[in-house]
Amino acid sequence: MIKRTSGAAALVILVALFAQASAQNSAPSTESGQAGAAQAQGAEQPRQQQAQDAERRGPLIYPTLAAGLIDMGVPVIDVRSEAEIEETGTVAGATHIPHTDIDAIAEFIGDDASRAVVLYCGSGRRVGLAIDTLRERGYHGMVNAGGHAGLREALQNGNDG
């Protein structure tokens, strides 16, 4: 059973776990020889770009981690269009605010710029754009949960267990 934790504490714990797992998964292999060294050096460049992109978009976490945050009471915002929501619905408890309505998202977050909030769209790209703008305004507690389908599946799997 999951112990109730504040949204900010849950966010810190889950993001730290994700960062640790990402670092382990992206560690260069210990291949020997010049071919292995060249391959590792060439692979470093895309990893650096991925890290910079992730830094810009906010932490893109696995849907199961985002589902855990939502299950612990962290609020969730669906930033997709009305048409997408009419077609597929939203996850339970999500508030719909389009990714272009930054003022409404900021109002939802409130005065606590570090308030933990999970955001999702179709793939994570639009959430990244919204997070970029919100960070420019001083907000830094948002989590990019990626796409609707993955998040919905993770929430269903978590409730099945």
Protein backbone atom coordinates (compact mmCIF):
# COMPACT_ATOMS: atom_id res chain seq x y z
CA MET A 1 0.00 0.00 0.00
CA ILE A 2 1.28 3.46 -0.89
CA LYS A 3 1.64 5.87 2.00
CA ARG A 4 0.14 9.31 1.30
CA THR A 5 2.90 11.83 0.66
CA SER A 6 2.73 15.49 -0.28
CA GLY A 7 2.74 16.11 -4.01
CA ALA A 8 6.07 17.94 -3.90
CA ALA A 9 7.73 15.15 -1.90
CA ALA A 10 6.35 12.51 -4.26
CA LEU A 11 7.61 14.47 -7.23
CA VAL A 12 11.10 14.75 -5.77
CA ILE A 13 11.22 11.03 -4.99
CA LEU A 14 9.96 9.89 -8.38
CA VAL A 15 12.07 12.30 -10.41
CA ALA A 16 15.17 11.24 -8.45
CA LEU A 17 14.40 7.57 -9.15
CA PHE A 18 13.86 8.35 -12.83
CA ALA A 19 17.12 10.30 -13.06
CA GLN A 20 19.01 7.43 -11.44
CA ALA A 21 17.47 4.89 -13.82
CA SER A 22 18.20 7.12 -16.83
CA ALA A 23 21.83 7.53 -15.79
CA GLN A 24 22.25 3.78 -15.44
CA ASN A 25 20.62 3.11 -18.81
CA SER A 26 22.73 5.70 -20.62
CA ALA A 27 26.13 4.71 -19.17
CA PRO A 28 28.59 3.89 -21.96
CA SER A 29 29.41 0.23 -22.39
CA THR A 30 32.85 -1.13 -21.52
CA GLU A 31 33.69 -2.32 -25.02
CA SER A 32 37.37 -2.60 -25.76
CA GLY A 33 39.34 -1.52 -28.81
CA GLN A 34 39.23 1.55 -31.00
CA ALA A 35 35.88 0.69 -32.55
CA GLY A 36 34.26 0.54 -29.10
CA ALA A 37 35.82 3.86 -28.05
CA ALA A 38 34.73 5.56 -31.27
CA GLN A 39 31.22 4.20 -30.88
CA ALA A 40 31.01 5.40 -27.26
CA GLN A 41 32.30 8.85 -28.24
CA GLY A 42 29.79 9.08 -31.09
CA ALA A 43 26.96 7.99 -28.80
CA GLU A 44 27.85 10.69 -26.25
CA GLN A 45 26.75 13.50 -28.58
CA PRO A 46 23.13 12.28 -28.96
CA ARG A 47 22.91 11.66 -25.19
CA GLN A 48 24.01 15.21 -24.48
CA GLN A 49 21.37 16.52 -26.89
CA GLN A 50 18.72 14.30 -25.29
CA ALA A 51 19.69 15.58 -21.85
CA GLN A 52 19.46 19.19 -23.04
CA ASP A 53 16.07 18.52 -24.64
CA ALA A 54 14.82 16.86 -21.45
CA GLU A 55 16.07 19.77 -19.36
CA ARG A 56 14.17 22.16 -21.61
CA ARG A 57 10.90 20.20 -21.64
CA GLY A 58 10.82 19.27 -18.01
CA PRO A 59 11.35 15.77 -16.82
CA LEU A 60 9.58 13.34 -19.15
CA ILE A 61 8.84 10.47 -16.83
CA TYR A 62 7.59 7.01 -17.48
CA PRO A 63 3.79 6.83 -17.51
CA THR A 64 3.85 4.44 -14.54
CA LEU A 65 5.69 7.05 -12.44
CA ALA A 66 3.25 9.76 -13.53
CA ALA A 67 0.37 7.41 -12.66
CA GLY A 68 1.91 6.96 -9.22
CA LEU A 69 2.00 10.72 -8.70
CA ILE A 70 -1.63 11.00 -9.80
CA ASP A 71 -2.63 8.15 -7.48
CA MET A 72 -0.98 10.06 -4.62
CA GLY A 73 -3.15 13.08 -5.32
CA VAL A 74 -0.90 15.20 -7.55
CA PRO A 75 -3.21 17.18 -9.87
CA VAL A 76 -3.15 16.41 -13.59
CA ILE A 77 -3.76 18.65 -16.60
CA ASP A 78 -4.67 17.41 -20.09
CA VAL A 79 -3.34 20.01 -22.55
CA ARG A 80 -4.74 18.41 -25.73
CA SER A 81 -7.33 19.94 -28.04
CA GLU A 82 -11.10 19.65 -27.57
CA ALA A 83 -11.27 17.38 -30.63
CA GLU A 84 -8.75 14.94 -29.15
CA ILE A 85 -10.60 14.86 -25.86
CA GLU A 86 -13.93 14.25 -27.60
CA GLU A 87 -12.31 11.35 -29.47
CA THR A 88 -10.49 9.62 -26.59
CA GLY A 89 -11.61 11.22 -23.32
CA THR A 90 -9.27 12.26 -20.52
CA VAL A 91 -7.78 10.35 -17.63
CA ALA A 92 -9.96 10.37 -14.51
CA GLY A 93 -9.66 13.57 -12.53
CA ALA A 94 -7.77 15.49 -15.23
CA THR A 95 -8.47 19.15 -15.79
CA HIS A 96 -8.52 20.19 -19.43
CA ILE A 97 -6.53 23.33 -20.23
CA PRO A 98 -5.17 23.71 -23.79
CA HIS A 99 -1.37 23.97 -24.01
CA THR A 100 -1.68 27.42 -25.55
CA ASP A 101 -3.59 28.83 -22.54
CA ILE A 102 -0.53 29.40 -20.37
CA ASP A 103 -2.33 31.95 -18.17
CA ALA A 104 -4.99 29.37 -17.25
CA ILE A 105 -2.35 26.72 -16.48
CA ALA A 106 -0.49 29.21 -14.29
CA GLU A 107 -3.74 30.10 -12.53
CA PHE A 108 -4.43 26.39 -11.95
CA ILE A 109 -0.96 25.92 -10.43
CA GLY A 110 -1.46 28.96 -8.23
CA ASP A 111 1.02 31.02 -6.26
CA ASP A 112 3.22 28.05 -5.27
CA ALA A 113 5.64 27.97 -8.22
CA SER A 114 7.01 24.63 -7.03
CA ARG A 115 3.59 22.92 -6.81
CA ALA A 116 3.77 19.45 -8.34
CA VAL A 117 1.48 19.09 -11.35
CA VAL A 118 1.42 16.31 -13.98
CA LEU A 119 0.74 17.43 -17.55
CA TYR A 120 0.14 15.25 -20.61
CA CYS A 121 -0.87 15.59 -24.24
CA GLY A 122 -0.64 13.19 -27.19
CA SER A 123 3.10 12.58 -27.06
CA GLY A 124 4.70 15.04 -24.62
CA ARG A 125 5.69 17.66 -27.21
CA ARG A 126 2.95 20.20 -26.45
CA VAL A 127 3.48 19.75 -22.72
CA GLY A 128 7.15 20.54 -23.34
CA LEU A 129 6.19 23.78 -25.06
CA ALA A 130 3.90 24.75 -22.19
CA ILE A 131 6.55 23.88 -19.59
CA ASP A 132 9.11 26.02 -21.45
CA THR A 133 6.85 29.05 -21.16
CA LEU A 134 5.89 28.34 -17.56
CA ARG A 135 9.53 28.00 -16.55
CA GLU A 136 10.20 31.42 -18.06
CA ARG A 137 7.54 32.68 -15.62
CA GLY A 138 9.25 31.01 -12.67
CA TYR A 139 7.22 27.80 -12.33
CA HIS A 140 9.24 24.63 -11.85
CA GLY A 141 7.07 21.85 -10.36
CA MET A 142 5.55 20.55 -13.59
CA VAL A 143 6.11 17.00 -14.80
CA ASN A 144 5.79 15.98 -18.45
CA ALA A 145 3.95 12.63 -18.41
CA GLY A 146 4.10 12.22 -22.17
CA GLY A 147 1.14 10.81 -24.07
CA HIS A 148 -2.47 10.14 -23.13
CA ALA A 149 -2.54 6.50 -24.24
CA GLY A 150 0.51 5.49 -22.18
CA LEU A 151 -0.68 7.36 -19.12
CA ARG A 152 -4.19 5.90 -19.32
CA GLU A 153 -2.76 2.38 -19.62
CA ALA A 154 -0.43 2.95 -16.66
CA LEU A 155 -3.32 4.22 -14.52
CA GLN A 156 -5.45 1.20 -15.46
CA ASN A 157 -2.61 -1.24 -14.74
CA GLY A 158 -1.98 0.39 -11.38
CA ASN A 159 -5.63 0.06 -10.43
CA ASP A 160 -5.76 -3.58 -11.55
CA GLY A 161 -3.11 -4.65 -9.05
